Amino acid sequence: MQNQWSDDQVLSHLRWEDAPLIGEGGEARVFDIGSDRVLRLVRPGGHADAQQRRAELLQKICAGHKSAAFRTPRVIDICQVGGRVAVIEERLTGVTLAEALKTADSGSRHGLILSYLDATASVGDIEVQLPFWGDIVNPLGIRAPTYRTYLSDKLRSVRSVSGPLADLVMDKPELIPDCSTPSLVHFDIFPDNVLVESGSVSAIIDFGASSKMADRRLDVWSAVAYLDPEISPSATDSDRNLALEWLNSKGLDRDYLSAKRWIASCWCFAHDDPAVRSWCRRVLST
């Protein structure tokens, strides 16, 4: 593998050395480069073809969610600099829900949590049609002709990855309700991936590596599950209780715990993240 430049080297070459870091995740770091744009600098080892597939997915999402009340990312350009992949995107306004919850009073956080859940539930309304069940962007992902097959194959794939959590992966996917129509599922909607403005959700970010064609209910079940303290420390017990009440009001509570175990099983490969490791261990050990 060729020598890959550091973040500072890439930013200097692009003459954005003063660009502030405004966010980061496991896949990339995000810098504000002005003119309503951001630079999403993919971490070393990332591949341009994967980012191209992500850009194509985002284009489909933008075309399919014209009636949605929130915005989603849009890629402007993809380039390679010093062996690194740099993606320029439109800047989306707002602060993360995680930040907003740190200072929100009881009244405003009630509205924020409900907006978070309502926005998550509407992701399945985005019209993206693909001829399979399973992972969209990941080149090594699992795809299947039926939802039942995908549920089983995904668990088998995660179980095959060596690590301290592999033995905890659930072995009864038949407990998950079946689904006849695949919908777009983000699968990583949690307070760090949601922007809010004026008391409600303004954007959902980070579609890509975890996105899949599956049962749209997975997004609401996972969004509630990710409010757990290991994943969302700025959420409170009251926030979590409100989310469970919301699930109940939508008739989605009955299958929640089984779905939560499947969701946690899917993240067992990420055992190098202490928060994810701790959450998966607790959910799957009970």
C-alpha atoms as a PDB file:
ATOM      1  CA  MET A   1       0.000   0.000   0.000  1.00  0.00           C
ATOM      2  CA  GLN A   2       1.362   3.394  -0.923  1.00  0.00           C
ATOM      3  CA  ASN A   3       2.258   5.914   1.755  1.00  0.00           C
ATOM      4  CA  GLN A   4      -0.864   7.792   2.731  1.00  0.00           C
ATOM      5  CA  TRP A   5      -0.767  11.419   3.734  1.00  0.00           C
ATOM      6  CA  SER A   6      -1.850  12.614   7.146  1.00  0.00           C
ATOM      7  CA  ASP A   7      -4.948  14.779   7.578  1.00  0.00           C
ATOM      8  CA  ASP A   8      -2.725  17.863   7.966  1.00  0.00           C
ATOM      9  CA  GLN A   9      -0.859  17.092   4.733  1.00  0.00           C
ATOM     10  CA  VAL A  10      -4.103  16.688   2.778  1.00  0.00           C
ATOM     11  CA  LEU A  11      -5.597  19.888   4.194  1.00  0.00           C
ATOM     12  CA  SER A  12      -2.398  21.817   3.488  1.00  0.00           C
ATOM     13  CA  HIS A  13      -2.236  20.553  -0.099  1.00  0.00           C
ATOM     14  CA  LEU A  14      -5.842  21.627  -0.661  1.00  0.00           C
ATOM     15  CA  ARG A  15      -5.136  24.987   1.033  1.00  0.00           C
ATOM     16  CA  TRP A  16      -7.662  24.299   3.775  1.00  0.00           C
ATOM     17  CA  GLU A  17      -5.151  24.000   6.602  1.00  0.00           C
ATOM     18  CA  ASP A  18      -7.232  26.285   8.825  1.00  0.00           C
ATOM     19  CA  ALA A  19     -10.481  24.405   8.271  1.00  0.00           C
ATOM     20  CA  PRO A  20     -12.032  23.501  11.647  1.00  0.00           C
ATOM     21  CA  LEU A  21     -12.906  19.921  12.482  1.00  0.00           C
ATOM     22  CA  ILE A  22     -16.688  19.778  13.000  1.00  0.00           C
ATOM     23  CA  GLY A  23     -17.293  16.050  13.313  1.00  0.00           C
ATOM     24  CA  GLU A  24     -15.797  12.590  13.051  1.00  0.00           C
ATOM     25  CA  GLY A  25     -16.784   8.954  13.042  1.00  0.00           C
ATOM     26  CA  GLY A  26     -15.288   5.580  12.350  1.00  0.00           C
ATOM     27  CA  GLU A  27     -15.176   6.150   8.588  1.00  0.00           C
ATOM     28  CA  ALA A  28     -14.186   9.806   8.192  1.00  0.00           C
ATOM     29  CA  ARG A  29     -13.425  13.193   9.747  1.00  0.00           C
ATOM     30  CA  VAL A  30     -15.415  16.220   8.626  1.00  0.00           C
ATOM     31  CA  PHE A  31     -14.008  19.742   8.171  1.00  0.00           C
ATOM     32  CA  ASP A  32     -15.810  23.013   7.476  1.00  0.00           C
ATOM     33  CA  ILE A  33     -14.202  24.459   4.316  1.00  0.00           C
ATOM     34  CA  GLY A  34     -16.575  27.413   3.921  1.00  0.00           C
ATOM     35  CA  SER A  35     -18.970  28.407   1.139  1.00  0.00           C
ATOM     36  CA  ASP A  36     -21.612  26.062   2.616  1.00  0.00           C
ATOM     37  CA  ARG A  37     -19.405  23.049   1.969  1.00  0.00           C
ATOM     38  CA  VAL A  38     -17.647  20.454   4.101  1.00  0.00           C
ATOM     39  CA  LEU A  39     -14.712  18.160   3.422  1.00  0.00           C
ATOM     40  CA  ARG A  40     -15.324  14.567   4.462  1.00  0.00           C
ATOM     41  CA  LEU A  41     -11.803  13.137   4.715  1.00  0.00           C
ATOM     42  CA  VAL A  42     -12.010   9.349   4.681  1.00  0.00           C
ATOM     43  CA  ARG A  43      -9.692   7.666   7.153  1.00  0.00           C
ATOM     44  CA  PRO A  44      -6.580   5.873   5.847  1.00  0.00           C
ATOM     45  CA  GLY A  45      -7.432   2.644   4.054  1.00  0.00           C
ATOM     46  CA  GLY A  46     -10.691   3.967   2.626  1.00  0.00           C
ATOM     47  CA  HIS A  47     -11.413   3.362  -1.056  1.00  0.00           C
ATOM     48  CA  ALA A  48     -12.728   5.749  -3.700  1.00  0.00           C
ATOM     49  CA  ASP A  49     -15.043   3.119  -5.214  1.00  0.00           C
ATOM     50  CA  ALA A  50     -16.854   2.712  -1.894  1.00  0.00           C
ATOM     51  CA  GLN A  51     -17.302   6.482  -1.691  1.00  0.00           C
ATOM     52  CA  GLN A  52     -18.614   6.502  -5.243  1.00  0.00           C
ATOM     53  CA  ARG A  53     -21.228   3.885  -4.305  1.00  0.00           C
ATOM     54  CA  ARG A  54     -22.131   6.004  -1.288  1.00  0.00           C
ATOM     55  CA  ALA A  55     -22.491   9.091  -3.522  1.00  0.00           C
ATOM     56  CA  GLU A  56     -24.800   7.162  -5.850  1.00  0.00           C
ATOM     57  CA  LEU A  57     -26.926   6.092  -2.878  1.00  0.00           C
ATOM     58  CA  LEU A  58     -27.116   9.683  -1.619  1.00  0.00           C
ATOM     59  CA  GLN A  59     -28.207  10.811  -5.075  1.00  0.00           C
ATOM     60  CA  LYS A  60     -31.021   8.237  -5.023  1.00  0.00           C
ATOM     61  CA  ILE A  61     -32.006   9.413  -1.542  1.00  0.00           C
ATOM     62  CA  CYS A  62     -32.078  13.071  -2.580  1.00  0.00           C
ATOM     63  CA  ALA A  63     -34.276  12.184  -5.556  1.00  0.00           C
ATOM     64  CA  GLY A  64     -36.586  10.021  -3.464  1.00  0.00           C
ATOM     65  CA  HIS A  65     -37.247  12.146  -0.390  1.00  0.00           C
ATOM     66  CA  LYS A  66     -38.659  15.351  -1.815  1.00  0.00           C
ATOM     67  CA  SER A  67     -41.474  15.475   0.754  1.00  0.00           C
ATOM     68  CA  ALA A  68     -39.289  14.755   3.799  1.00  0.00           C
ATOM     69  CA  ALA A  69     -39.047  17.415   6.490  1.00  0.00           C
ATOM     70  CA  PHE A  70     -35.289  16.925   6.908  1.00  0.00           C
ATOM     71  CA  ARG A  71     -32.287  17.176   4.607  1.00  0.00           C
ATOM     72  CA  THR A  72     -29.751  14.497   3.718  1.00  0.00           C
ATOM     73  CA  PRO A  73     -26.137  14.821   2.504  1.00  0.00           C
ATOM     74  CA  ARG A  74     -25.318  15.529  -1.145  1.00  0.00           C
ATOM     75  CA  VAL A  75     -21.896  14.851  -2.659  1.00  0.00           C
ATOM     76  CA  ILE A  76     -20.365  17.588  -4.814  1.00  0.00           C
ATOM     77  CA  ASP A  77     -17.042  15.959  -5.703  1.00  0.00           C
ATOM     78  CA  ILE A  78     -14.751  13.038  -4.849  1.00  0.00           C
ATOM     79  CA  CYS A  79     -10.984  13.227  -5.275  1.00  0.00           C
ATOM     80  CA  GLN A  80      -7.844  11.409  -4.162  1.00  0.00           C
ATOM     81  CA  VAL A  81      -4.968  13.293  -2.549  1.00  0.00           C
ATOM     82  CA  GLY A  82      -1.830  11.651  -1.224  1.00  0.00           C
ATOM     83  CA  GLY A  83      -3.459   8.244  -1.238  1.00  0.00           C
ATOM     84  CA  ARG A  84      -6.454   9.550   0.734  1.00  0.00           C
ATOM     85  CA  VAL A  85     -10.057   9.896  -0.403  1.00  0.00           C
ATOM     86  CA  ALA A  86     -11.574  13.363   0.015  1.00  0.00           C
ATOM     87  CA  VAL A  87     -15.296  13.952  -0.446  1.00  0.00           C
ATOM     88  CA  ILE A  88     -16.753  17.441  -0.746  1.00  0.00           C
ATOM     89  CA  GLU A  89     -20.374  17.762   0.324  1.00  0.00           C
ATOM     90  CA  GLU A  90     -22.985  20.408   0.942  1.00  0.00           C
ATOM     91  CA  ARG A  91     -22.945  21.732   4.490  1.00  0.00           C
ATOM     92  CA  LEU A  92     -26.065  20.833   6.457  1.00  0.00           C
ATOM     93  CA  THR A  93     -27.129  23.257   9.163  1.00  0.00           C
ATOM     94  CA  GLY A  94     -27.894  22.482  12.778  1.00  0.00           C
ATOM     95  CA  VAL A  95     -26.177  20.929  15.787  1.00  0.00           C
ATOM     96  CA  THR A  96     -26.184  17.251  16.620  1.00  0.00           C
ATOM     97  CA  LEU A  97     -29.007  15.998  18.769  1.00  0.00           C
ATOM     98  CA  ALA A  98     -26.332  14.669  21.140  1.00  0.00           C
ATOM     99  CA  GLU A  99     -25.088  18.227  21.718  1.00  0.00           C
ATOM    100  CA  ALA A 100     -28.587  19.677  21.981  1.00  0.00           C
ATOM    101  CA  LEU A 101     -29.576  17.161  24.659  1.00  0.00           C
ATOM    102  CA  LYS A 102     -26.671  18.228  26.870  1.00  0.00           C
ATOM    103  CA  THR A 103     -28.330  21.585  27.609  1.00  0.00           C
ATOM    104  CA  ALA A 104     -32.016  21.037  26.764  1.00  0.00           C
ATOM    105  CA  ASP A 105     -34.580  21.477  29.551  1.00  0.00           C
ATOM    106  CA  SER A 106     -37.317  18.910  30.141  1.00  0.00           C
ATOM    107  CA  GLY A 107     -39.820  20.647  27.874  1.00  0.00           C
ATOM    108  CA  SER A 108     -37.589  21.126  24.864  1.00  0.00           C
ATOM    109  CA  ARG A 109     -35.977  17.688  25.069  1.00  0.00           C
ATOM    110  CA  HIS A 110     -39.441  16.083  24.949  1.00  0.00           C
ATOM    111  CA  GLY A 111     -40.001  17.735  21.568  1.00  0.00           C
ATOM    112  CA  LEU A 112     -36.494  16.869  20.384  1.00  0.00           C
ATOM    113  CA  ILE A 113     -36.900  13.164  21.162  1.00  0.00           C
ATOM    114  CA  LEU A 114     -40.299  12.987  19.454  1.00  0.00           C
ATOM    115  CA  SER A 115     -38.929  14.799  16.398  1.00  0.00           C
ATOM    116  CA  TYR A 116     -35.988  12.355  16.338  1.00  0.00           C
ATOM    117  CA  LEU A 117     -38.347   9.375  16.381  1.00  0.00           C
ATOM    118  CA  ASP A 118     -40.796  10.811  13.841  1.00  0.00           C
ATOM    119  CA  ALA A 119     -37.974  11.683  11.441  1.00  0.00           C
ATOM    120  CA  THR A 120     -36.487   8.212  11.826  1.00  0.00           C
ATOM    121  CA  ALA A 121     -39.844   6.599  11.104  1.00  0.00           C
ATOM    122  CA  SER A 122     -40.137   8.571   7.868  1.00  0.00           C
ATOM    123  CA  VAL A 123     -36.817   7.328   6.407  1.00  0.00           C
ATOM    124  CA  GLY A 124     -38.723   4.344   5.048  1.00  0.00           C
ATOM    125  CA  ASP A 125     -40.850   6.747   2.989  1.00  0.00           C
ATOM    126  CA  ILE A 126     -37.804   7.677   0.899  1.00  0.00           C
ATOM    127  CA  GLU A 127     -38.295   5.965  -2.438  1.00  0.00           C
ATOM    128  CA  VAL A 128     -35.191   3.881  -3.086  1.00  0.00           C
ATOM    129  CA  GLN A 129     -35.795   0.685  -5.031  1.00  0.00           C
ATOM    130  CA  LEU A 130     -33.104  -1.990  -5.313  1.00  0.00           C
ATOM    131  CA  PRO A 131     -33.601  -5.636  -6.335  1.00  0.00           C
ATOM    132  CA  PHE A 132     -32.320  -7.306  -3.168  1.00  0.00           C
ATOM    133  CA  TRP A 133     -32.484  -7.465   0.607  1.00  0.00           C
ATOM    134  CA  GLY A 134     -29.298  -6.459   2.404  1.00  0.00           C
ATOM    135  CA  ASP A 135     -26.316  -4.146   2.510  1.00  0.00           C
ATOM    136  CA  ILE A 136     -26.221  -1.416  -0.130  1.00  0.00           C
ATOM    137  CA  VAL A 137     -22.762   0.198  -0.077  1.00  0.00           C
ATOM    138  CA  ASN A 138     -20.414  -2.269   1.614  1.00  0.00           C
ATOM    139  CA  PRO A 139     -18.679  -4.304  -1.146  1.00  0.00           C
ATOM    140  CA  LEU A 140     -18.290  -7.213   1.289  1.00  0.00           C
ATOM    141  CA  GLY A 141     -21.826  -6.876   2.571  1.00  0.00           C
ATOM    142  CA  ILE A 142     -24.578  -9.481   2.602  1.00  0.00           C
ATOM    143  CA  ARG A 143     -27.344  -9.521  -0.002  1.00  0.00           C
ATOM    144  CA  ALA A 144     -30.145 -12.047  -0.297  1.00  0.00           C
ATOM    145  CA  PRO A 145     -33.314 -12.779  -2.304  1.00  0.00           C
ATOM    146  CA  THR A 146     -35.538 -12.837   0.818  1.00  0.00           C
ATOM    147  CA  TYR A 147     -35.597 -10.989   4.120  1.00  0.00           C
ATOM    148  CA  ARG A 148     -35.460 -14.204   6.162  1.00  0.00           C
ATOM    149  CA  THR A 149     -32.332 -15.295   4.300  1.00  0.00           C
ATOM    150  CA  TYR A 150     -30.705 -11.909   4.863  1.00  0.00           C
ATOM    151  CA  LEU A 151     -31.421 -11.986   8.608  1.00  0.00           C
ATOM    152  CA  SER A 152     -29.745 -15.395   8.931  1.00  0.00           C
ATOM    153  CA  ASP A 153     -26.854 -14.717   6.555  1.00  0.00           C
ATOM    154  CA  LYS A 154     -26.029 -11.428   8.306  1.00  0.00           C
ATOM    155  CA  LEU A 155     -25.750 -13.141  11.687  1.00  0.00           C
ATOM    156  CA  ARG A 156     -23.631 -15.911  10.193  1.00  0.00           C
ATOM    157  CA  SER A 157     -21.311 -13.310   8.673  1.00  0.00           C
ATOM    158  CA  VAL A 158     -20.861 -11.429  11.947  1.00  0.00           C
ATOM    159  CA  ARG A 159     -20.346 -14.665  13.865  1.00  0.00           C
ATOM    160  CA  SER A 160     -17.508 -15.610  11.500  1.00  0.00           C
ATOM    161  CA  VAL A 161     -15.524 -12.489  12.439  1.00  0.00           C
ATOM    162  CA  SER A 162     -13.161 -13.395  15.249  1.00  0.00           C
ATOM    163  CA  GLY A 163     -13.396 -11.232  18.330  1.00  0.00           C
ATOM    164  CA  PRO A 164     -14.551 -11.126  21.950  1.00  0.00           C
ATOM    165  CA  LEU A 165     -18.246 -10.761  21.034  1.00  0.00           C
ATOM    166  CA  ALA A 166     -18.596 -13.438  18.340  1.00  0.00           C
ATOM    167  CA  ASP A 167     -20.029 -16.015  20.769  1.00  0.00           C
ATOM    168  CA  LEU A 168     -22.752 -13.589  21.863  1.00  0.00           C
ATOM    169  CA  VAL A 169     -24.348 -13.206  18.413  1.00  0.00           C
ATOM    170  CA  MET A 170     -27.985 -14.349  18.569  1.00  0.00           C
ATOM    171  CA  ASP A 171     -28.802 -17.662  16.904  1.00  0.00           C
ATOM    172  CA  LYS A 172     -32.591 -17.374  16.479  1.00  0.00           C
ATOM    173  CA  PRO A 173     -33.360 -14.809  13.766  1.00  0.00           C
ATOM    174  CA  GLU A 174     -36.771 -16.419  13.356  1.00  0.00           C
ATOM    175  CA  LEU A 175     -37.817 -14.333  16.382  1.00  0.00           C
ATOM    176  CA  ILE A 176     -37.621 -11.254  14.137  1.00  0.00           C
ATOM    177  CA  PRO A 177     -40.921 -10.581  12.309  1.00  0.00           C
ATOM    178  CA  ASP A 178     -40.875 -11.166   8.567  1.00  0.00           C
ATOM    179  CA  CYS A 179     -41.321  -8.415   5.987  1.00  0.00           C
ATOM    180  CA  SER A 180     -42.513  -8.582   2.385  1.00  0.00           C
ATOM    181  CA  THR A 181     -41.316  -5.232   0.988  1.00  0.00           C
ATOM    182  CA  PRO A 182     -37.723  -3.946   1.266  1.00  0.00           C
ATOM    183  CA  SER A 183     -37.283  -0.289   2.187  1.00  0.00           C
ATOM    184  CA  LEU A 184     -34.310   1.977   2.721  1.00  0.00           C
ATOM    185  CA  VAL A 185     -32.920   1.520   6.235  1.00  0.00           C
ATOM    186  CA  HIS A 186     -30.192   3.825   7.548  1.00  0.00           C
ATOM    187  CA  PHE A 187     -29.421   1.531  10.529  1.00  0.00           C
ATOM    188  CA  ASP A 188     -27.124   4.041  12.268  1.00  0.00           C
ATOM    189  CA  ILE A 189     -29.542   6.776  13.330  1.00  0.00           C
ATOM    190  CA  PHE A 190     -28.540   7.911  16.796  1.00  0.00           C
ATOM    191  CA  PRO A 191     -28.114  11.386  18.333  1.00  0.00           C
ATOM    192  CA  ASP A 192     -24.656  11.960  16.812  1.00  0.00           C
ATOM    193  CA  ASN A 193     -26.012  11.354  13.298  1.00  0.00           C
ATOM    194  CA  VAL A 194     -29.012  13.667  13.585  1.00  0.00           C
ATOM    195  CA  LEU A 195     -28.888  17.466  13.264  1.00  0.00           C
ATOM    196  CA  VAL A 196     -31.490  19.652  14.927  1.00  0.00           C
ATOM    197  CA  GLU A 197     -32.451  23.283  14.496  1.00  0.00           C
ATOM    198  CA  SER A 198     -35.205  25.354  16.141  1.00  0.00           C
ATOM    199  CA  GLY A 199     -36.341  22.414  18.234  1.00  0.00           C
ATOM    200  CA  SER A 200     -36.714  19.787  15.521  1.00  0.00           C
ATOM    201  CA  VAL A 201     -34.682  17.551  13.209  1.00  0.00           C
ATOM    202  CA  SER A 202     -33.150  19.447  10.292  1.00  0.00           C
ATOM    203  CA  ALA A 203     -30.983  16.677   8.781  1.00  0.00           C
ATOM    204  CA  ILE A 204     -30.034  13.016   9.063  1.00  0.00           C
ATOM    205  CA  ILE A 205     -26.422  12.321   8.154  1.00  0.00           C
ATOM    206  CA  ASP A 206     -24.025   9.402   7.657  1.00  0.00           C
ATOM    207  CA  PHE A 207     -26.050   7.263   5.272  1.00  0.00           C
ATOM    208  CA  GLY A 208     -23.638   4.776   3.753  1.00  0.00           C
ATOM    209  CA  ALA A 209     -21.668   1.910   5.256  1.00  0.00           C
ATOM    210  CA  SER A 210     -24.515   0.562   7.390  1.00  0.00           C
ATOM    211  CA  SER A 211     -27.391   1.379   5.022  1.00  0.00           C
ATOM    212  CA  LYS A 212     -29.446  -1.540   3.784  1.00  0.00           C
ATOM    213  CA  MET A 213     -32.640  -2.632   2.052  1.00  0.00           C
ATOM    214  CA  ALA A 214     -34.658  -4.228   4.830  1.00  0.00           C
ATOM    215  CA  ASP A 215     -37.703  -3.859   7.068  1.00  0.00           C
ATOM    216  CA  ARG A 216     -38.241  -0.135   7.654  1.00  0.00           C
ATOM    217  CA  ARG A 217     -39.107  -0.888  11.286  1.00  0.00           C
ATOM    218  CA  LEU A 218     -35.418  -1.639  11.918  1.00  0.00           C
ATOM    219  CA  ASP A 219     -34.695   2.085  11.868  1.00  0.00           C
ATOM    220  CA  VAL A 220     -37.149   2.960  14.629  1.00  0.00           C
ATOM    221  CA  TRP A 221     -36.199  -0.050  16.721  1.00  0.00           C
ATOM    222  CA  SER A 222     -32.501   0.799  16.374  1.00  0.00           C
ATOM    223  CA  ALA A 223     -33.033   4.533  16.987  1.00  0.00           C
ATOM    224  CA  VAL A 224     -34.708   3.690  20.297  1.00  0.00           C
ATOM    225  CA  ALA A 225     -32.057   1.091  21.172  1.00  0.00           C
ATOM    226  CA  TYR A 226     -29.218   3.547  20.474  1.00  0.00           C
ATOM    227  CA  LEU A 227     -30.574   5.906  23.149  1.00  0.00           C
ATOM    228  CA  ASP A 228     -29.078   3.495  25.685  1.00  0.00           C
ATOM    229  CA  PRO A 229     -26.455   5.189  27.895  1.00  0.00           C
ATOM    230  CA  GLU A 230     -23.456   3.432  26.354  1.00  0.00           C
ATOM    231  CA  ILE A 231     -24.253   4.846  22.907  1.00  0.00           C
ATOM    232  CA  SER A 232     -26.001   8.111  23.846  1.00  0.00           C
ATOM    233  CA  PRO A 233     -24.707   9.380  27.205  1.00  0.00           C
ATOM    234  CA  SER A 234     -26.489  12.725  26.802  1.00  0.00           C
ATOM    235  CA  ALA A 235     -29.891  10.969  26.728  1.00  0.00           C
ATOM    236  CA  THR A 236     -31.648  10.487  30.068  1.00  0.00           C
ATOM    237  CA  ASP A 237     -33.835   7.754  31.495  1.00  0.00           C
ATOM    238  CA  SER A 238     -36.808  10.041  30.840  1.00  0.00           C
ATOM    239  CA  ASP A 239     -35.779  10.288  27.167  1.00  0.00           C
ATOM    240  CA  ARG A 240     -35.553   6.520  26.927  1.00  0.00           C
ATOM    241  CA  ASN A 241     -38.920   6.026  28.626  1.00  0.00           C
ATOM    242  CA  LEU A 242     -40.497   8.536  26.234  1.00  0.00           C
ATOM    243  CA  ALA A 243     -39.057   6.594  23.291  1.00  0.00           C
ATOM    244  CA  LEU A 244     -40.491   3.333  24.616  1.00  0.00           C
ATOM    245  CA  GLU A 245     -43.886   5.015  25.069  1.00  0.00           C
ATOM    246  CA  TRP A 246     -43.648   6.223  21.465  1.00  0.00           C
ATOM    247  CA  LEU A 247     -42.942   2.663  20.291  1.00  0.00           C
ATOM    248  CA  ASN A 248     -45.971   1.453  22.215  1.00  0.00           C
ATOM    249  CA  SER A 249     -48.190   4.161  20.696  1.00  0.00           C
ATOM    250  CA  LYS A 250     -47.163   2.993  17.210  1.00  0.00           C
ATOM    251  CA  GLY A 251     -47.737  -0.683  17.987  1.00  0.00           C
ATOM    252  CA  LEU A 252     -44.024  -1.421  17.576  1.00  0.00           C
ATOM    253  CA  ASP A 253     -43.166  -2.491  21.125  1.00  0.00           C
ATOM    254  CA  ARG A 254     -44.011  -6.206  20.895  1.00  0.00           C
ATOM    255  CA  ASP A 255     -41.033  -7.173  18.720  1.00  0.00           C
ATOM    256  CA  TYR A 256     -38.640  -4.532  20.028  1.00  0.00           C
ATOM    257  CA  LEU A 257     -36.493  -6.688  22.329  1.00  0.00           C
ATOM    258  CA  SER A 258     -35.989  -9.429  19.722  1.00  0.00           C
ATOM    259  CA  ALA A 259     -35.123  -6.806  17.109  1.00  0.00           C
ATOM    260  CA  LYS A 260     -32.741  -5.116  19.546  1.00  0.00           C
ATOM    261  CA  ARG A 261     -30.822  -8.368  19.986  1.00  0.00           C
ATOM    262  CA  TRP A 262     -30.488  -8.766  16.205  1.00  0.00           C
ATOM    263  CA  ILE A 263     -29.354  -5.130  15.903  1.00  0.00           C
ATOM    264  CA  ALA A 264     -26.757  -5.565  18.663  1.00  0.00           C
ATOM    265  CA  SER A 265     -25.583  -8.796  17.030  1.00  0.00           C
ATOM    266  CA  CYS A 266     -24.956  -6.918  13.779  1.00  0.00           C
ATOM    267  CA  TRP A 267     -22.595  -4.529  15.610  1.00  0.00           C
ATOM    268  CA  CYS A 268     -20.508  -7.227  17.311  1.00  0.00           C
ATOM    269  CA  PHE A 269     -17.826  -6.832  14.647  1.00  0.00           C
ATOM    270  CA  ALA A 270     -17.123  -3.304  16.000  1.00  0.00           C
ATOM    271  CA  HIS A 271     -15.636  -4.636  19.230  1.00  0.00           C
ATOM    272  CA  ASP A 272     -12.726  -2.166  19.029  1.00  0.00           C
ATOM    273  CA  ASP A 273     -15.155   0.641  19.962  1.00  0.00           C
ATOM    274  CA  PRO A 274     -15.461   0.552  23.781  1.00  0.00           C
ATOM    275  CA  ALA A 275     -18.986   2.000  23.839  1.00  0.00           C
ATOM    276  CA  VAL A 276     -20.310  -0.389  21.188  1.00  0.00           C
ATOM    277  CA  ARG A 277     -18.525  -3.337  22.814  1.00  0.00           C
ATOM    278  CA  SER A 278     -20.029  -2.553  26.221  1.00  0.00           C
ATOM    279  CA  TRP A 279     -23.523  -2.083  24.757  1.00  0.00           C
ATOM    280  CA  CYS A 280     -23.444  -5.265  22.698  1.00  0.00           C
ATOM    281  CA  ARG A 281     -22.194  -7.297  25.653  1.00  0.00           C
ATOM    282  CA  ARG A 282     -24.962  -6.006  27.945  1.00  0.00           C
ATOM    283  CA  VAL A 283     -27.794  -6.414  25.417  1.00  0.00           C
ATOM    284  CA  LEU A 284     -26.747  -9.898  24.316  1.00  0.00           C
ATOM    285  CA  SER A 285     -25.884 -11.221  27.772  1.00  0.00           C
ATOM    286  CA  THR A 286     -29.350 -10.601  29.193  1.00  0.00           C
END
